[in-house]
Amino acid sequence: MDGRDIGTTIFPNADVKIYLDASAEERAKRRYKQDIEAGMNITYEEVLNEIKKRDISETQRKISPLRQAEDAIYIDSSNLTIEEVVNRVIDIIQEKKKI
């Protein structure tokens, strides 16, 4: 399950928590590619600015702000493929099962 407050508010006692992240620039690159493929007329800079504004809004809101749970495992996907992310998540889950 994913979401902004899943590990901190919705399922604070989950056995495995992963905080999946990527740099604003990488997220903008990914979103820009999707938008262009969808036929939207937007610039990379516009997408990047929207993402940066959203990040500020979500991390600074009063109710359930976006933050990494203390016991979550951080994965930066900026330089990873989808397959690499999936493999890391599977490895983390398998390692937790051993404990």
Protein backbone atom coordinates (compact mmCIF):
# COMPACT_ATOMS: atom_id res chain seq x y z
CA MET A 1 0.00 0.00 0.00
CA ASP A 2 1.26 3.47 -0.70
CA GLY A 3 0.28 6.92 0.39
CA ARG A 4 1.59 10.02 2.06
CA ASP A 5 0.83 8.96 5.63
CA ILE A 6 0.49 5.19 5.38
CA GLY A 7 3.53 4.37 7.55
CA THR A 8 3.05 7.16 10.06
CA THR A 9 -0.73 7.42 10.49
CA ILE A 10 -2.68 4.66 8.76
CA PHE A 11 -0.49 1.62 9.57
CA PRO A 12 1.98 2.78 12.22
CA ASN A 13 2.51 -0.82 13.39
CA ALA A 14 3.15 -2.38 9.97
CA ASP A 15 5.82 -5.09 9.93
CA VAL A 16 7.60 -3.52 6.96
CA LYS A 17 7.65 0.14 6.07
CA ILE A 18 9.44 1.52 3.06
CA TYR A 19 9.84 5.19 2.30
CA LEU A 20 10.27 5.34 -1.46
CA ASP A 21 11.68 8.62 -2.69
CA ALA A 22 13.37 10.25 -5.67
CA SER A 23 14.83 13.67 -6.21
CA ALA A 24 12.47 16.41 -7.35
CA GLU A 25 14.42 16.57 -10.59
CA GLU A 26 14.00 12.86 -11.28
CA ARG A 27 10.31 12.93 -10.42
CA ALA A 28 9.88 15.92 -12.74
CA LYS A 29 11.71 14.09 -15.51
CA ARG A 30 9.42 11.09 -15.12
CA ARG A 31 6.24 13.20 -14.94
CA TYR A 32 7.34 15.37 -17.88
CA LYS A 33 7.85 12.24 -20.00
CA GLN A 34 4.37 10.98 -19.07
CA ASP A 35 2.79 14.35 -19.80
CA ILE A 36 4.47 14.68 -23.19
CA GLU A 37 3.44 11.12 -24.11
CA ALA A 38 -0.12 12.05 -23.12
CA GLY A 39 0.00 14.99 -25.54
CA MET A 40 0.22 17.73 -22.95
CA ASN A 41 1.92 20.99 -23.80
CA ILE A 42 4.09 21.64 -20.75
CA THR A 43 7.74 22.36 -20.07
CA TYR A 44 10.07 20.42 -17.80
CA GLU A 45 10.56 23.58 -15.71
CA GLU A 46 6.80 23.89 -15.15
CA VAL A 47 6.61 20.28 -14.01
CA LEU A 48 9.61 20.71 -11.71
CA ASN A 49 8.13 23.84 -10.15
CA GLU A 50 4.80 22.07 -9.55
CA ILE A 51 6.57 19.17 -7.87
CA LYS A 52 8.63 21.46 -5.64
CA LYS A 53 5.49 23.38 -4.60
CA ARG A 54 3.68 20.12 -3.85
CA ASP A 55 6.62 18.86 -1.78
CA ILE A 56 6.56 22.00 0.35
CA SER A 57 2.79 21.82 0.76
CA GLU A 58 2.79 18.15 1.72
CA THR A 59 5.70 18.27 4.15
CA GLN A 60 4.52 21.41 5.91
CA ARG A 61 0.78 20.81 6.21
CA LYS A 62 -0.59 20.69 9.73
CA ILE A 63 -2.58 17.46 9.46
CA SER A 64 -0.65 14.29 8.65
CA PRO A 65 2.35 15.85 6.89
CA LEU A 66 4.47 13.77 4.55
CA ARG A 67 7.40 12.35 6.46
CA GLN A 68 9.35 9.15 6.77
CA ALA A 69 8.30 6.93 9.64
CA GLU A 70 11.14 6.43 12.13
CA ASP A 71 11.25 2.70 11.43
CA ALA A 72 10.81 2.92 7.65
CA ILE A 73 13.57 1.82 5.32
CA TYR A 74 14.53 4.59 2.90
CA ILE A 75 14.94 3.82 -0.79
CA ASP A 76 16.04 6.56 -3.17
CA SER A 77 14.83 5.49 -6.60
CA SER A 78 16.37 8.45 -8.45
CA ASN A 79 18.91 6.26 -10.24
CA LEU A 80 17.07 2.94 -10.13
CA THR A 81 14.90 1.16 -12.65
CA ILE A 82 11.48 -0.13 -11.67
CA GLU A 83 12.91 -3.64 -11.57
CA GLU A 84 15.72 -2.56 -9.24
CA VAL A 85 13.24 -0.93 -6.87
CA VAL A 86 11.04 -4.03 -6.87
CA ASN A 87 14.04 -6.25 -6.16
CA ARG A 88 15.13 -4.06 -3.24
CA VAL A 89 11.65 -4.11 -1.77
CA ILE A 90 11.46 -7.90 -2.11
CA ASP A 91 14.89 -8.23 -0.46
CA ILE A 92 13.78 -6.02 2.44
CA ILE A 93 10.60 -8.04 2.97
CA GLN A 94 12.45 -11.35 2.81
CA GLU A 95 15.04 -10.09 5.30
CA LYS A 96 12.27 -8.96 7.70
CA LYS A 97 10.67 -12.44 7.49
CA LYS A 98 13.91 -13.95 8.81
CA ILE A 99 13.80 -11.86 11.98
